[in-house]
Amino acid sequence: AVARDVLERARPGYHPITTASVEQVIARAPEPAPAPVSPVLEGEP
């Protein structure tokens, strides 16, 4: 999220070669692991 935000702010001043390199790195970012699903325990809402 930080990388995407910074790239958008930097994009007007980046060379197309630099922009493409950063976009490729962001596109290859590891997918976040899915959140674990747990049963509702006593006392949980």
Full PDB file with SEQRES, HELIX, SHEET, SSBOND, CRYST1, ORIGX, SCALE, CONECT and MASTER records, all heavy atoms in Angstrom:
SEQRES   1 A   45  ALA VAL ALA ARG ASP VAL LEU GLU ARG ALA ARG PRO GLY          
SEQRES   2 A   45  TYR HIS PRO ILE THR THR ALA SER VAL GLU GLN VAL ILE          
SEQRES   3 A   45  ALA ARG ALA PRO GLU PRO ALA PRO ALA PRO VAL SER PRO          
SEQRES   4 A   45  VAL LEU GLU GLY GLU PRO                                      
HELIX    1 AA1 VAL A    2  ALA A   10  1                                   9    
HELIX    2 AA2 ARG A   11  GLY A   13  5                                   3    
HELIX    3 AA3 PRO A   16  ALA A   27  1                                  12    
CRYST1    1.000    1.000    1.000  90.00  90.00  90.00 P 1           1          
ORIGX1      1.000000  0.000000  0.000000        0.00000                         
ORIGX2      0.000000  1.000000  0.000000        0.00000                         
ORIGX3      0.000000  0.000000  1.000000        0.00000                         
SCALE1      1.000000  0.000000  0.000000        0.00000                         
SCALE2      0.000000  1.000000  0.000000        0.00000                         
SCALE3      0.000000  0.000000  1.000000        0.00000                         
ATOM      1  N   ALA A   1       0.834  -1.209   0.000  1.00  0.00           N  
ATOM      2  CA  ALA A   1       0.000   0.000   0.000  1.00  0.00           C  
ATOM      3  C   ALA A   1       0.863   1.251   0.000  1.00  0.00           C  
ATOM      4  O   ALA A   1       0.574   2.226  -0.710  1.00  0.00           O  
ATOM      5  CB  ALA A   1      -0.930  -0.016   1.209  1.00  0.00           C  
ATOM      6  N   VAL A   2       1.943   1.243   0.777  1.00  0.00           N  
ATOM      7  CA  VAL A   2       2.855   2.387   0.786  1.00  0.00           C  
ATOM      8  C   VAL A   2       3.497   2.553  -0.579  1.00  0.00           C  
ATOM      9  O   VAL A   2       3.586   3.668  -1.115  1.00  0.00           O  
ATOM     10  CB  VAL A   2       3.928   2.205   1.875  1.00  0.00           C  
ATOM     11  CG1 VAL A   2       4.978   3.314   1.781  1.00  0.00           C  
ATOM     12  CG2 VAL A   2       3.300   2.198   3.258  1.00  0.00           C  
ATOM     13  N   ALA A   3       3.954   1.455  -1.167  1.00  0.00           N  
ATOM     14  CA  ALA A   3       4.611   1.521  -2.470  1.00  0.00           C  
ATOM     15  C   ALA A   3       3.676   2.093  -3.530  1.00  0.00           C  
ATOM     16  O   ALA A   3       4.083   2.927  -4.349  1.00  0.00           O  
ATOM     17  CB  ALA A   3       5.093   0.133  -2.878  1.00  0.00           C  
ATOM     18  N   ARG A   4       2.432   1.668  -3.521  1.00  0.00           N  
ATOM     19  CA  ARG A   4       1.470   2.178  -4.505  1.00  0.00           C  
ATOM     20  C   ARG A   4       1.227   3.671  -4.307  1.00  0.00           C  
ATOM     21  O   ARG A   4       1.158   4.439  -5.269  1.00  0.00           O  
ATOM     22  CB  ARG A   4       0.154   1.406  -4.400  1.00  0.00           C  
ATOM     23  CG  ARG A   4       0.241  -0.029  -4.904  1.00  0.00           C  
ATOM     24  CD  ARG A   4      -1.136  -0.670  -4.967  1.00  0.00           C  
ATOM     25  NE  ARG A   4      -1.075  -1.997  -5.547  1.00  0.00           N  
ATOM     26  CZ  ARG A   4      -1.527  -3.097  -4.973  1.00  0.00           C  
ATOM     27  NH1 ARG A   4      -2.092  -3.023  -3.763  1.00  0.00           N  
ATOM     28  NH2 ARG A   4      -1.451  -4.270  -5.571  1.00  0.00           N  
ATOM     29  N   ASP A   5       1.091   4.056  -3.058  1.00  0.00           N  
ATOM     30  CA  ASP A   5       0.852   5.467  -2.761  1.00  0.00           C  
ATOM     31  C   ASP A   5       2.038   6.330  -3.200  1.00  0.00           C  
ATOM     32  O   ASP A   5       1.866   7.378  -3.828  1.00  0.00           O  
ATOM     33  CB  ASP A   5       0.603   5.635  -1.262  1.00  0.00           C  
ATOM     34  CG  ASP A   5       0.503   7.096  -0.858  1.00  0.00           C  
ATOM     35  OD1 ASP A   5      -0.459   7.770  -1.258  1.00  0.00           O  
ATOM     36  OD2 ASP A   5       1.413   7.571  -0.140  1.00  0.00           O  
ATOM     37  N   VAL A   6       3.244   5.875  -2.886  1.00  0.00           N  
ATOM     38  CA  VAL A   6       4.435   6.639  -3.257  1.00  0.00           C  
ATOM     39  C   VAL A   6       4.571   6.710  -4.768  1.00  0.00           C  
ATOM     40  O   VAL A   6       4.894   7.766  -5.329  1.00  0.00           O  
ATOM     41  CB  VAL A   6       5.688   6.018  -2.613  1.00  0.00           C  
ATOM     42  CG1 VAL A   6       6.953   6.666  -3.163  1.00  0.00           C  
ATOM     43  CG2 VAL A   6       5.642   6.173  -1.098  1.00  0.00           C  
ATOM     44  N   LEU A   7       4.323   5.603  -5.450  1.00  0.00           N  
ATOM     45  CA  LEU A   7       4.441   5.608  -6.913  1.00  0.00           C  
ATOM     46  C   LEU A   7       3.494   6.622  -7.531  1.00  0.00           C  
ATOM     47  O   LEU A   7       3.872   7.347  -8.462  1.00  0.00           O  
ATOM     48  CB  LEU A   7       4.164   4.216  -7.472  1.00  0.00           C  
ATOM     49  CG  LEU A   7       4.125   4.123  -9.004  1.00  0.00           C  
ATOM     50  CD1 LEU A   7       5.449   4.570  -9.620  1.00  0.00           C  
ATOM     51  CD2 LEU A   7       3.764   2.714  -9.454  1.00  0.00           C  
ATOM     52  N   GLU A   8       2.273   6.701  -7.045  1.00  0.00           N  
ATOM     53  CA  GLU A   8       1.328   7.651  -7.624  1.00  0.00           C  
ATOM     54  C   GLU A   8       1.787   9.087  -7.408  1.00  0.00           C  
ATOM     55  O   GLU A   8       1.616   9.946  -8.274  1.00  0.00           O  
ATOM     56  CB  GLU A   8      -0.066   7.432  -7.036  1.00  0.00           C  
ATOM     57  CG  GLU A   8      -0.714   6.141  -7.512  1.00  0.00           C  
ATOM     58  CD  GLU A   8      -0.608   5.966  -9.022  1.00  0.00           C  
ATOM     59  OE1 GLU A   8      -1.051   6.878  -9.770  1.00  0.00           O  
ATOM     60  OE2 GLU A   8      -0.060   4.944  -9.470  1.00  0.00           O  
ATOM     61  N   ARG A   9       2.385   9.362  -6.261  1.00  0.00           N  
ATOM     62  CA  ARG A   9       2.917  10.710  -6.030  1.00  0.00           C  
ATOM     63  C   ARG A   9       4.165  10.985  -6.848  1.00  0.00           C  
ATOM     64  O   ARG A   9       4.417  12.118  -7.264  1.00  0.00           O  
ATOM     65  CB  ARG A   9       3.203  10.904  -4.537  1.00  0.00           C  
ATOM     66  CG  ARG A   9       1.949  11.062  -3.693  1.00  0.00           C  
ATOM     67  CD  ARG A   9       2.304  11.385  -2.252  1.00  0.00           C  
ATOM     68  NE  ARG A   9       2.657  10.201  -1.487  1.00  0.00           N  
ATOM     69  CZ  ARG A   9       3.631  10.136  -0.601  1.00  0.00           C  
ATOM     70  NH1 ARG A   9       4.404  11.204  -0.388  1.00  0.00           N  
ATOM     71  NH2 ARG A   9       3.870   9.036   0.076  1.00  0.00           N  
ATOM     72  N   ALA A  10       4.944   9.943  -7.096  1.00  0.00           N  
ATOM     73  CA  ALA A  10       6.205  10.120  -7.820  1.00  0.00           C  
ATOM     74  C   ALA A  10       6.031  10.050  -9.323  1.00  0.00           C  
ATOM     75  O   ALA A  10       6.890  10.531 -10.070  1.00  0.00           O  
ATOM     76  CB  ALA A  10       7.201   9.043  -7.375  1.00  0.00           C  
ATOM     77  N   ARG A  11       4.936   9.462  -9.796  1.00  0.00           N  
ATOM     78  CA  ARG A  11       4.762   9.169 -11.218  1.00  0.00           C  
ATOM     79  C   ARG A  11       5.012  10.369 -12.138  1.00  0.00           C  
ATOM     80  O   ARG A  11       5.659  10.229 -13.179  1.00  0.00           O  
ATOM     81  CB  ARG A  11       3.358   8.596 -11.453  1.00  0.00           C  
ATOM     82  CG  ARG A  11       3.135   8.046 -12.844  1.00  0.00           C  
ATOM     83  CD  ARG A  11       1.700   7.550 -13.007  1.00  0.00           C  
ATOM     84  NE  ARG A  11       1.382   6.440 -12.137  1.00  0.00           N  
ATOM     85  CZ  ARG A  11       1.591   5.163 -12.454  1.00  0.00           C  
ATOM     86  NH1 ARG A  11       2.131   4.865 -13.622  1.00  0.00           N  
ATOM     87  NH2 ARG A  11       1.263   4.207 -11.615  1.00  0.00           N  
ATOM     88  N   PRO A  12       4.524  11.581 -11.804  1.00  0.00           N  
ATOM     89  CA  PRO A  12       4.760  12.707 -12.729  1.00  0.00           C  
ATOM     90  C   PRO A  12       6.237  13.008 -12.969  1.00  0.00           C  
ATOM     91  O   PRO A  12       6.590  13.541 -14.017  1.00  0.00           O  
ATOM     92  CB  PRO A  12       4.062  13.882 -12.031  1.00  0.00           C  
ATOM     93  CG  PRO A  12       3.030  13.263 -11.154  1.00  0.00           C  
ATOM     94  CD  PRO A  12       3.655  11.998 -10.678  1.00  0.00           C  
ATOM     95  N   GLY A  13       7.093  12.669 -12.020  1.00  0.00           N  
ATOM     96  CA  GLY A  13       8.506  12.959 -12.174  1.00  0.00           C  
ATOM     97  C   GLY A  13       9.359  11.771 -12.541  1.00  0.00           C  
ATOM     98  O   GLY A  13      10.562  11.925 -12.755  1.00  0.00           O  
ATOM     99  N   TYR A  14       8.774  10.576 -12.605  1.00  0.00           N  
ATOM    100  CA  TYR A  14       9.538   9.384 -12.966  1.00  0.00           C  
ATOM    101  C   TYR A  14       9.642   9.252 -14.477  1.00  0.00           C  
ATOM    102  O   TYR A  14       8.706   9.573 -15.221  1.00  0.00           O  
ATOM    103  CB  TYR A  14       8.863   8.127 -12.416  1.00  0.00           C  
ATOM    104  CG  TYR A  14       9.189   7.769 -10.985  1.00  0.00           C  
ATOM    105  CD1 TYR A  14      10.049   8.536 -10.208  1.00  0.00           C  
ATOM    106  CD2 TYR A  14       8.628   6.634 -10.401  1.00  0.00           C  
ATOM    107  CE1 TYR A  14      10.332   8.191  -8.892  1.00  0.00           C  
ATOM    108  CE2 TYR A  14       8.902   6.275  -9.088  1.00  0.00           C  
ATOM    109  CZ  TYR A  14       9.745   7.064  -8.340  1.00  0.00           C  
ATOM    110  OH  TYR A  14      10.019   6.714  -7.039  1.00  0.00           O  
ATOM    111  N   HIS A  15      10.774   8.735 -14.931  1.00  0.00           N  
ATOM    112  CA  HIS A  15      10.929   8.356 -16.331  1.00  0.00           C  
ATOM    113  C   HIS A  15      10.064   7.128 -16.598  1.00  0.00           C  
ATOM    114  O   HIS A  15       9.842   6.307 -15.700  1.00  0.00           O  
ATOM    115  CB  HIS A  15      12.402   8.044 -16.604  1.00  0.00           C  
ATOM    116  CG  HIS A  15      12.727   7.875 -18.047  1.00  0.00           C  
ATOM    117  ND1 HIS A  15      12.450   6.718 -18.747  1.00  0.00           N  
ATOM    118  CD2 HIS A  15      13.316   8.715 -18.946  1.00  0.00           C  
ATOM    119  CE1 HIS A  15      12.857   6.849 -19.993  1.00  0.00           C  
ATOM    120  NE2 HIS A  15      13.375   8.053 -20.145  1.00  0.00           N  
ATOM    121  N   PRO A  16       9.545   6.954 -17.829  1.00  0.00           N  
ATOM    122  CA  PRO A  16       8.743   5.757 -18.120  1.00  0.00           C  
ATOM    123  C   PRO A  16       9.459   4.453 -17.794  1.00  0.00           C  
ATOM    124  O   PRO A  16       8.823   3.478 -17.381  1.00  0.00           O  
ATOM    125  CB  PRO A  16       8.467   5.879 -19.631  1.00  0.00           C  
ATOM    126  CG  PRO A  16       8.518   7.344 -19.911  1.00  0.00           C  
ATOM    127  CD  PRO A  16       9.545   7.901 -18.978  1.00  0.00           C  
ATOM    128  N   ILE A  17      10.781   4.406 -17.966  1.00  0.00           N  
ATOM    129  CA  ILE A  17      11.534   3.198 -17.642  1.00  0.00           C  
ATOM    130  C   ILE A  17      11.447   2.913 -16.147  1.00  0.00           C  
ATOM    131  O   ILE A  17      11.243   1.772 -15.720  1.00  0.00           O  
ATOM    132  CB  ILE A  17      13.001   3.355 -18.098  1.00  0.00           C  
ATOM    133  CG1 ILE A  17      13.080   3.447 -19.626  1.00  0.00           C  
ATOM    134  CG2 ILE A  17      13.854   2.199 -17.581  1.00  0.00           C  
ATOM    135  CD1 ILE A  17      14.477   3.774 -20.136  1.00  0.00           C  
ATOM    136  N   THR A  18      11.589   3.949 -15.336  1.00  0.00           N  
ATOM    137  CA  THR A  18      11.501   3.780 -13.884  1.00  0.00           C  
ATOM    138  C   THR A  18      10.094   3.374 -13.469  1.00  0.00           C  
ATOM    139  O   THR A  18       9.910   2.465 -12.658  1.00  0.00           O  
ATOM    140  CB  THR A  18      11.902   5.083 -13.176  1.00  0.00           C  
ATOM    141  OG1 THR A  18      13.221   5.451 -13.575  1.00  0.00           O  
ATOM    142  CG2 THR A  18      11.853   4.926 -11.674  1.00  0.00           C  
ATOM    143  N   THR A  19       9.094   4.046 -14.012  1.00  0.00           N  
ATOM    144  CA  THR A  19       7.707   3.714 -13.688  1.00  0.00           C  
ATOM    145  C   THR A  19       7.408   2.256 -13.987  1.00  0.00           C  
ATOM    146  O   THR A  19       6.811   1.539 -13.174  1.00  0.00           O  
ATOM    147  CB  THR A  19       6.745   4.622 -14.468  1.00  0.00           C  
ATOM    148  OG1 THR A  19       6.996   5.993 -14.127  1.00  0.00           O  
ATOM    149  CG2 THR A  19       5.297   4.283 -14.151  1.00  0.00           C  
ATOM    150  N   ALA A  20       7.834   1.790 -15.171  1.00  0.00           N  
ATOM    151  CA  ALA A  20       7.586   0.400 -15.548  1.00  0.00           C  
ATOM    152  C   ALA A  20       8.273  -0.561 -14.587  1.00  0.00           C  
ATOM    153  O   ALA A  20       7.704  -1.592 -14.208  1.00  0.00           O  
ATOM    154  CB  ALA A  20       8.066   0.151 -16.976  1.00  0.00           C  
ATOM    155  N   SER A  21       9.484  -0.238 -14.151  1.00  0.00           N  
ATOM    156  CA  SER A  21      10.205  -1.113 -13.224  1.00  0.00           C  
ATOM    157  C   SER A  21       9.476  -1.214 -11.887  1.00  0.00           C  
ATOM    158  O   SER A  21       9.338  -2.309 -11.324  1.00  0.00           O  
ATOM    159  CB  SER A  21      11.622  -0.587 -13.008  1.00  0.00           C  
ATOM    160  OG  SER A  21      12.369  -0.613 -14.207  1.00  0.00           O  
ATOM    161  N   VAL A  22       9.017  -0.077 -11.363  1.00  0.00           N  
ATOM    162  CA  VAL A  22       8.317  -0.091 -10.085  1.00  0.00           C  
ATOM    163  C   VAL A  22       6.989  -0.838 -10.213  1.00  0.00           C  
ATOM    164  O   VAL A  22       6.616  -1.633  -9.336  1.00  0.00           O  
ATOM    165  CB  VAL A  22       8.092   1.341  -9.572  1.00  0.00           C  
ATOM    166  CG1 VAL A  22       7.288   1.325  -8.273  1.00  0.00           C  
ATOM    167  CG2 VAL A  22       9.435   2.050  -9.349  1.00  0.00           C  
ATOM    168  N   GLU A  23       6.272  -0.599 -11.294  1.00  0.00           N  
ATOM    169  CA  GLU A  23       4.998  -1.292 -11.496  1.00  0.00           C  
ATOM    170  C   GLU A  23       5.194  -2.806 -11.542  1.00  0.00           C  
ATOM    171  O   GLU A  23       4.368  -3.566 -11.017  1.00  0.00           O  
ATOM    172  CB  GLU A  23       4.334  -0.796 -12.779  1.00  0.00           C  
ATOM    173  CG  GLU A  23       3.774   0.616 -12.672  1.00  0.00           C  
ATOM    174  CD  GLU A  23       3.205   1.131 -13.971  1.00  0.00           C  
ATOM    175  OE1 GLU A  23       3.626   0.643 -15.048  1.00  0.00           O  
ATOM    176  OE2 GLU A  23       2.352   2.027 -13.926  1.00  0.00           O  
ATOM    177  N   GLN A  24       6.280  -3.251 -12.176  1.00  0.00           N  
ATOM    178  CA  GLN A  24       6.540  -4.691 -12.236  1.00  0.00           C  
ATOM    179  C   GLN A  24       6.792  -5.263 -10.852  1.00  0.00           C  
ATOM    180  O   GLN A  24       6.326  -6.366 -10.529  1.00  0.00           O  
ATOM    181  CB  GLN A  24       7.736  -4.954 -13.155  1.00  0.00           C  
ATOM    182  CG  GLN A  24       7.440  -4.723 -14.627  1.00  0.00           C  
ATOM    183  CD  GLN A  24       8.692  -4.765 -15.481  1.00  0.00           C  
ATOM    184  OE1 GLN A  24       9.783  -5.070 -14.997  1.00  0.00           O  
ATOM    185  NE2 GLN A  24       8.556  -4.458 -16.758  1.00  0.00           N  
ATOM    186  N   VAL A  25       7.531  -4.535 -10.021  1.00  0.00           N  
ATOM    187  CA  VAL A  25       7.803  -5.013  -8.671  1.00  0.00           C  
ATOM    188  C   VAL A  25       6.512  -5.102  -7.872  1.00  0.00           C  
ATOM    189  O   VAL A  25       6.262  -6.094  -7.162  1.00  0.00           O  
ATOM    190  CB  VAL A  25       8.818  -4.084  -7.973  1.00  0.00           C  
ATOM    191  CG1 VAL A  25       8.867  -4.362  -6.471  1.00  0.00           C  
ATOM    192  CG2 VAL A  25      10.199  -4.274  -8.569  1.00  0.00           C  
ATOM    193  N   ILE A  26       5.669  -4.097  -7.981  1.00  0.00           N  
ATOM    194  CA  ILE A  26       4.394  -4.120  -7.254  1.00  0.00           C  
ATOM    195  C   ILE A  26       3.505  -5.248  -7.756  1.00  0.00           C  
ATOM    196  O   ILE A  26       2.845  -5.942  -6.974  1.00  0.00           O  
ATOM    197  CB  ILE A  26       3.689  -2.756  -7.378  1.00  0.00           C  
ATOM    198  CG1 ILE A  26       4.498  -1.672  -6.637  1.00  0.00           C  
ATOM    199  CG2 ILE A  26       2.266  -2.823  -6.828  1.00  0.00           C  
ATOM    200  CD1 ILE A  26       3.961  -0.263  -6.800  1.00  0.00           C  
ATOM    201  N   ALA A  27       3.508  -5.461  -9.076  1.00  0.00           N  
ATOM    202  CA  ALA A  27       2.667  -6.523  -9.644  1.00  0.00           C  
ATOM    203  C   ALA A  27       3.107  -7.906  -9.175  1.00  0.00           C  
ATOM    204  O   ALA A  27       2.290  -8.830  -9.084  1.00  0.00           O  
ATOM    205  CB  ALA A  27       2.702  -6.450 -11.174  1.00  0.00           C  
ATOM    206  N   ARG A  28       4.387  -8.063  -8.872  1.00  0.00           N  
ATOM    207  CA  ARG A  28       4.906  -9.365  -8.426  1.00  0.00           C  
ATOM    208  C   ARG A  28       4.818  -9.543  -6.914  1.00  0.00           C  
ATOM    209  O   ARG A  28       5.304 -10.545  -6.382  1.00  0.00           O  
ATOM    210  CB  ARG A  28       6.363  -9.530  -8.866  1.00  0.00           C  
ATOM    211  CG  ARG A  28       6.570  -9.628 -10.360  1.00  0.00           C  
ATOM    212  CD  ARG A  28       7.958 -10.174 -10.668  1.00  0.00           C  
ATOM    213  NE  ARG A  28       9.011  -9.345 -10.103  1.00  0.00           N  
ATOM    214  CZ  ARG A  28       9.668  -8.404 -10.775  1.00  0.00           C  
ATOM    215  NH1 ARG A  28       9.358  -8.165 -12.036  1.00  0.00           N  
ATOM    216  NH2 ARG A  28      10.625  -7.701 -10.187  1.00  0.00           N  
ATOM    217  N   ALA A  29       4.224  -8.592  -6.218  1.00  0.00           N  
ATOM    218  CA  ALA A  29       4.164  -8.663  -4.760  1.00  0.00           C  
ATOM    219  C   ALA A  29       3.442  -9.935  -4.323  1.00  0.00           C  
ATOM    220  O   ALA A  29       2.443 -10.340  -4.923  1.00  0.00           O  
ATOM    221  CB  ALA A  29       3.442  -7.438  -4.202  1.00  0.00           C  
ATOM    222  N   PRO A  30       3.938 -10.583  -3.272  1.00  0.00           N  
ATOM    223  CA  PRO A  30       3.273 -11.803  -2.783  1.00  0.00           C  
ATOM    224  C   PRO A  30       1.833 -11.528  -2.385  1.00  0.00           C  
ATOM    225  O   PRO A  30       1.514 -10.478  -1.821  1.00  0.00           O  
ATOM    226  CB  PRO A  30       4.118 -12.203  -1.564  1.00  0.00           C  
ATOM    227  CG  PRO A  30       5.430 -11.496  -1.738  1.00  0.00           C  
ATOM    228  CD  PRO A  30       5.115 -10.224  -2.483  1.00  0.00           C  
ATOM    229  N   GLU A  31       0.978 -12.475  -2.693  1.00  0.00           N  
ATOM    230  CA  GLU A  31      -0.421 -12.357  -2.286  1.00  0.00           C  
ATOM    231  C   GLU A  31      -0.520 -12.503  -0.770  1.00  0.00           C  
ATOM    232  O   GLU A  31       0.125 -13.365  -0.174  1.00  0.00           O  
ATOM    233  CB  GLU A  31      -1.267 -13.433  -2.967  1.00  0.00           C  
ATOM    234  CG  GLU A  31      -1.404 -13.257  -4.465  1.00  0.00           C  
ATOM    235  CD  GLU A  31      -2.243 -12.049  -4.827  1.00  0.00           C  
ATOM    236  OE1 GLU A  31      -3.100 -11.665  -4.000  1.00  0.00           O  
ATOM    237  OE2 GLU A  31      -2.035 -11.488  -5.917  1.00  0.00           O  
ATOM    238  N   PRO A  32      -1.336 -11.660  -0.098  1.00  0.00           N  
ATOM    239  CA  PRO A  32      -1.490 -11.806   1.356  1.00  0.00           C  
ATOM    240  C   PRO A  32      -2.162 -13.127   1.707  1.00  0.00           C  
ATOM    241  O   PRO A  32      -3.035 -13.609   0.987  1.00  0.00           O  
ATOM    242  CB  PRO A  32      -2.369 -10.609   1.740  1.00  0.00           C  
ATOM    243  CG  PRO A  32      -3.087 -10.237   0.476  1.00  0.00           C  
ATOM    244  CD  PRO A  32      -2.139 -10.561  -0.651  1.00  0.00           C  
ATOM    245  N   ALA A  33      -1.727 -13.726   2.774  1.00  0.00           N  
ATOM    246  CA  ALA A  33      -2.322 -14.986   3.221  1.00  0.00           C  
ATOM    247  C   ALA A  33      -3.756 -14.738   3.683  1.00  0.00           C  
ATOM    248  O   ALA A  33      -4.054 -13.705   4.300  1.00  0.00           O  
ATOM    249  CB  ALA A  33      -1.498 -15.571   4.364  1.00  0.00           C  
ATOM    250  N   PRO A  34      -4.666 -15.651   3.381  1.00  0.00           N  
ATOM    251  CA  PRO A  34      -6.058 -15.457   3.824  1.00  0.00           C  
ATOM    252  C   PRO A  34      -6.147 -15.481   5.344  1.00  0.00           C  
ATOM    253  O   PRO A  34      -5.404 -16.196   6.023  1.00  0.00           O  
ATOM    254  CB  PRO A  34      -6.797 -16.654   3.202  1.00  0.00           C  
ATOM    255  CG  PRO A  34      -5.730 -17.681   2.973  1.00  0.00           C  
ATOM    256  CD  PRO A  34      -4.480 -16.918   2.660  1.00  0.00           C  
ATOM    257  N   ALA A  35      -7.060 -14.671   5.862  1.00  0.00           N  
ATOM    258  CA  ALA A  35      -7.255 -14.619   7.322  1.00  0.00           C  
ATOM    259  C   ALA A  35      -7.841 -15.941   7.803  1.00  0.00           C  
ATOM    260  O   ALA A  35      -8.723 -16.515   7.160  1.00  0.00           O  
ATOM    261  CB  ALA A  35      -8.178 -13.463   7.674  1.00  0.00           C  
ATOM    262  N   PRO A  36      -7.346 -16.463   8.915  1.00  0.00           N  
ATOM    263  CA  PRO A  36      -7.885 -17.737   9.424  1.00  0.00           C  
ATOM    264  C   PRO A  36      -9.334 -17.582   9.873  1.00  0.00           C  
ATOM    265  O   PRO A  36      -9.736 -16.542  10.394  1.00  0.00           O  
ATOM    266  CB  PRO A  36      -6.965 -18.055  10.608  1.00  0.00           C  
ATOM    267  CG  PRO A  36      -6.405 -16.729  11.030  1.00  0.00           C  
ATOM    268  CD  PRO A  36      -6.295 -15.918   9.770  1.00  0.00           C  
ATOM    269  N   VAL A  37     -10.102 -18.616   9.626  1.00  0.00           N  
ATOM    270  CA  VAL A  37     -11.499 -18.631  10.041  1.00  0.00           C  
ATOM    271  C   VAL A  37     -11.608 -19.517  11.286  1.00  0.00           C  
ATOM    272  O   VAL A  37     -11.218 -20.686  11.263  1.00  0.00           O  
ATOM    273  CB  VAL A  37     -12.407 -19.164   8.918  1.00  0.00           C  
ATOM    274  CG1 VAL A  37     -13.855 -19.222   9.400  1.00  0.00           C  
ATOM    275  CG2 VAL A  37     -12.263 -18.296   7.685  1.00  0.00           C  
ATOM    276  N   SER A  38     -12.111 -18.968  12.363  1.00  0.00           N  
ATOM    277  CA  SER A  38     -12.220 -19.744  13.606  1.00  0.00           C  
ATOM    278  C   SER A  38     -13.670 -19.743  14.073  1.00  0.00           C  
ATOM    279  O   SER A  38     -14.425 -18.814  13.791  1.00  0.00           O  
ATOM    280  CB  SER A  38     -11.327 -19.138  14.692  1.00  0.00           C  
ATOM    281  OG  SER A  38     -11.717 -17.809  14.954  1.00  0.00           O  
ATOM    282  N   PRO A  39     -14.075 -20.780  14.797  1.00  0.00           N  
ATOM    283  CA  PRO A  39     -15.450 -20.794  15.325  1.00  0.00           C  
ATOM    284  C   PRO A  39     -15.637 -19.707  16.367  1.00  0.00           C  
ATOM    285  O   PRO A  39     -14.690 -19.237  16.985  1.00  0.00           O  
ATOM    286  CB  PRO A  39     -15.570 -22.195  15.951  1.00  0.00           C  
ATOM    287  CG  PRO A  39     -14.152 -22.567  16.287  1.00  0.00           C  
ATOM    288  CD  PRO A  39     -13.301 -21.958  15.198  1.00  0.00           C  
ATOM    289  N   VAL A  40     -16.881 -19.338  16.569  1.00  0.00           N  
ATOM    290  CA  VAL A  40     -17.196 -18.332  17.576  1.00  0.00           C  
ATOM    291  C   VAL A  40     -17.070 -18.962  18.948  1.00  0.00           C  
ATOM    292  O   VAL A  40     -17.700 -19.975  19.254  1.00  0.00           O  
ATOM    293  CB  VAL A  40     -18.624 -17.782  17.379  1.00  0.00           C  
ATOM    294  CG1 VAL A  40     -18.968 -16.796  18.489  1.00  0.00           C  
ATOM    295  CG2 VAL A  40     -18.721 -17.118  16.017  1.00  0.00           C  
ATOM    296  N   LEU A  41     -16.191 -18.413  19.765  1.00  0.00           N  
ATOM    297  CA  LEU A  41     -15.973 -18.948  21.100  1.00  0.00           C  
ATOM    298  C   LEU A  41     -16.887 -18.270  22.113  1.00  0.00           C  
ATOM    299  O   LEU A  41     -17.426 -17.201  21.861  1.00  0.00           O  
ATOM    300  CB  LEU A  41     -14.510 -18.750  21.499  1.00  0.00           C  
ATOM    301  CG  LEU A  41     -13.479 -19.421  20.567  1.00  0.00           C  
ATOM    302  CD1 LEU A  41     -12.072 -19.121  21.063  1.00  0.00           C  
ATOM    303  CD2 LEU A  41     -13.719 -20.924  20.491  1.00  0.00           C  
ATOM    304  N   GLU A  42     -17.008 -18.923  23.255  1.00  0.00           N  
ATOM    305  CA  GLU A  42     -17.857 -18.366  24.301  1.00  0.00           C  
ATOM    306  C   GLU A  42     -17.339 -16.996  24.697  1.00  0.00           C  
ATOM    307  O   GLU A  42     -16.149 -16.796  24.903  1.00  0.00           O  
ATOM    308  CB  GLU A  42     -17.857 -19.296  25.522  1.00  0.00           C  
ATOM    309  CG  GLU A  42     -18.800 -18.840  26.619  1.00  0.00           C  
ATOM    310  CD  GLU A  42     -18.822 -19.798  27.782  1.00  0.00           C  
ATOM    311  OE1 GLU A  42     -18.168 -20.853  27.683  1.00  0.00           O  
ATOM    312  OE2 GLU A  42     -19.477 -19.484  28.788  1.00  0.00           O  
ATOM    313  N   GLY A  43     -18.223 -16.069  24.762  1.00  0.00           N  
ATOM    314  CA  GLY A  43     -17.848 -14.725  25.146  1.00  0.00           C  
ATOM    315  C   GLY A  43     -17.565 -13.824  23.962  1.00  0.00           C  
ATOM    316  O   GLY A  43     -17.445 -12.618  24.140  1.00  0.00           O  
ATOM    317  N   GLU A  44     -17.399 -14.407  22.747  1.00  0.00           N  
ATOM    318  CA  GLU A  44     -17.169 -13.577  21.575  1.00  0.00           C  
ATOM    319  C   GLU A  44     -18.501 -13.050  21.063  1.00  0.00           C  
ATOM    320  O   GLU A  44     -19.543 -13.711  21.183  1.00  0.00           O  
ATOM    321  CB  GLU A  44     -16.491 -14.384  20.467  1.00  0.00           C  
ATOM    322  CG  GLU A  44     -15.020 -14.645  20.729  1.00  0.00           C  
ATOM    323  CD  GLU A  44     -14.363 -15.256  19.516  1.00  0.00           C  
ATOM    324  OE1 GLU A  44     -15.057 -15.882  18.709  1.00  0.00           O  
ATOM    325  OE2 GLU A  44     -13.134 -15.094  19.384  1.00  0.00           O  
ATOM    326  N   PRO A  45     -18.514 -11.868  20.482  1.00  0.00           N  
ATOM    327  CA  PRO A  45     -19.763 -11.332  19.957  1.00  0.00           C  
ATOM    328  C   PRO A  45     -20.215 -12.094  18.724  1.00  0.00           C  
ATOM    329  O   PRO A  45     -19.401 -12.550  17.939  1.00  0.00           O  
ATOM    330  CB  PRO A  45     -19.394  -9.887  19.612  1.00  0.00           C  
ATOM    331  CG  PRO A  45     -17.922  -9.929  19.339  1.00  0.00           C  
ATOM    332  CD  PRO A  45     -17.386 -10.953  20.273  1.00  0.00           C  
TER     333      PRO A  45                                                      
MASTER        0    0    0    3    0    0    0    6  332    1    0    4          
END                                                                             
